[in-house]
Protein backbone atom coordinates (compact mmCIF):
# COMPACT_ATOMS: atom_id res chain seq x y z
CA MET A 1 -49.96 -23.38 -25.03
CA ASN A 2 -47.21 -22.93 -22.82
CA TYR A 3 -48.72 -24.06 -19.70
CA LEU A 4 -50.27 -26.75 -21.34
CA TYR A 5 -46.28 -27.85 -22.21
CA LEU A 6 -45.85 -27.26 -18.18
CA ALA A 7 -48.51 -29.77 -17.67
CA ILE A 8 -47.13 -32.53 -20.14
CA ALA A 9 -43.81 -32.05 -18.39
CA ILE A 10 -45.24 -32.07 -14.91
CA VAL A 11 -47.10 -35.64 -16.03
CA ALA A 12 -44.35 -37.02 -17.31
CA GLU A 13 -41.76 -36.00 -14.27
CA VAL A 14 -44.48 -37.54 -12.23
CA ILE A 15 -44.92 -40.82 -14.47
CA GLY A 16 -40.95 -41.37 -14.44
CA THR A 17 -40.40 -40.90 -10.40
CA SER A 18 -42.96 -43.61 -10.09
CA ALA A 19 -40.84 -45.69 -12.75
CA LEU A 20 -37.73 -45.02 -11.04
CA SER A 21 -39.47 -46.32 -7.29
CA ALA A 22 -40.67 -49.61 -9.57
CA SER A 23 -37.22 -49.65 -11.38
CA ASN A 24 -35.43 -50.92 -7.91
CA GLY A 25 -32.47 -49.12 -8.72
CA PHE A 26 -32.33 -49.34 -12.36
CA THR A 27 -32.11 -53.32 -12.15
CA ARG A 28 -35.14 -53.64 -13.91
CA LEU A 29 -35.52 -53.15 -17.52
CA ALA A 30 -39.06 -51.85 -18.24
CA PRO A 31 -39.15 -49.32 -15.21
CA SER A 32 -35.74 -48.26 -16.01
CA ALA A 33 -36.44 -47.51 -19.89
CA LEU A 34 -39.84 -45.92 -18.86
CA THR A 35 -38.07 -43.10 -15.99
CA ALA A 36 -35.71 -42.27 -19.22
CA VAL A 37 -38.20 -41.85 -21.88
CA CYS A 38 -40.32 -40.01 -19.27
CA PHE A 39 -37.45 -37.87 -17.88
CA ALA A 40 -36.39 -36.97 -21.43
CA ILE A 41 -40.37 -35.84 -22.12
CA ALA A 42 -40.09 -33.53 -18.88
CA PHE A 43 -37.44 -31.47 -19.58
CA TYR A 44 -37.68 -31.47 -23.37
CA PHE A 45 -41.68 -30.10 -22.85
CA VAL A 46 -40.48 -27.72 -19.98
CA SER A 47 -37.88 -26.25 -21.90
CA LEU A 48 -40.89 -25.28 -23.94
CA ALA A 49 -42.63 -23.99 -21.50
CA MET A 50 -39.42 -21.33 -20.81
CA ARG A 51 -39.90 -19.80 -23.66
CA SER A 52 -42.15 -17.32 -22.88
CA ILE A 53 -42.72 -18.39 -19.04
CA PRO A 54 -39.98 -17.28 -16.54
CA VAL A 55 -38.10 -19.72 -15.33
CA GLY A 56 -38.62 -19.22 -11.54
CA VAL A 57 -42.16 -19.43 -12.29
CA VAL A 58 -41.74 -22.49 -14.41
CA TYR A 59 -39.54 -24.07 -11.92
CA ALA A 60 -41.86 -22.87 -8.77
CA THR A 61 -44.75 -24.74 -10.46
CA TRP A 62 -43.27 -28.03 -12.14
CA SER A 63 -41.43 -28.75 -8.89
CA GLY A 64 -44.59 -28.07 -6.52
CA VAL A 65 -47.07 -29.55 -8.45
CA GLY A 66 -44.86 -32.25 -9.11
CA ILE A 67 -44.03 -32.70 -5.61
CA VAL A 68 -47.97 -32.84 -4.70
CA LEU A 69 -48.68 -35.19 -7.66
CA ILE A 70 -45.82 -37.51 -6.63
CA THR A 71 -46.89 -37.41 -2.88
CA ALA A 72 -50.70 -38.57 -4.16
CA VAL A 73 -49.41 -41.66 -6.20
CA ALA A 74 -47.20 -42.66 -3.62
CA TRP A 75 -50.45 -42.77 -1.01
CA VAL A 76 -52.20 -44.41 -3.81
CA TRP A 77 -50.14 -46.31 -5.83
CA PHE A 78 -47.24 -47.38 -2.86
CA LYS A 79 -49.70 -47.29 -0.30
CA GLN A 80 -47.42 -44.53 1.73
CA MET A 81 -49.22 -42.98 4.55
CA LEU A 82 -49.15 -39.24 5.27
CA ASP A 83 -48.79 -37.52 8.65
CA TRP A 84 -50.19 -34.40 9.61
CA PRO A 85 -46.97 -32.43 8.96
CA ALA A 86 -46.84 -33.76 5.67
CA ILE A 87 -50.58 -32.69 4.66
CA VAL A 88 -49.55 -29.15 6.58
CA GLY A 89 -46.74 -28.87 4.07
CA ILE A 90 -48.26 -30.32 0.90
CA ALA A 91 -50.84 -27.94 1.68
CA MET A 92 -48.18 -24.79 2.05
CA ILE A 93 -46.47 -25.90 -1.28
CA VAL A 94 -49.56 -25.66 -2.64
CA ALA A 95 -50.46 -22.46 -1.86
CA GLY A 96 -46.97 -21.26 -2.65
CA VAL A 97 -47.72 -22.24 -6.49
CA VAL A 98 -50.99 -20.71 -6.45
CA ILE A 99 -49.52 -17.40 -4.89
CA VAL A 100 -46.55 -17.31 -7.38
CA ASN A 101 -48.86 -18.07 -10.36
CA ALA A 102 -51.54 -15.70 -9.40
CA PHE A 103 -49.89 -12.70 -7.55
CA SER A 104 -46.13 -12.81 -8.54
CA ASN A 105 -45.33 -9.98 -11.12
CA LEU A 106 -42.77 -12.73 -12.30
CA SER A 107 -45.81 -14.65 -14.37
CA ALA A 108 -46.76 -11.38 -16.03
CA HIS A 109 -43.75 -11.24 -17.90
């Protein structure tokens, strides 16, 4: 259940970050409001995940998966192109998240 909370936090953060980009520096009301709501949801659910998942694992997963997802959204939605160094870096982030969650003793606590 706690990883579901973490997944909800990640999705909310990605939606909030996308809305933040669309808010044009908080000058557009609807995307600005969506940003605030999504970040509130993200922080609430990440706090629930931290009840039983260690903070290091939560934050590594939240930030790593969030980076990968927002990069994908930026590529598809905002038409931002990725060069090879960016793709390699994203792959390394994914590998890091997998290693932390699959092999670290932190995730066993």
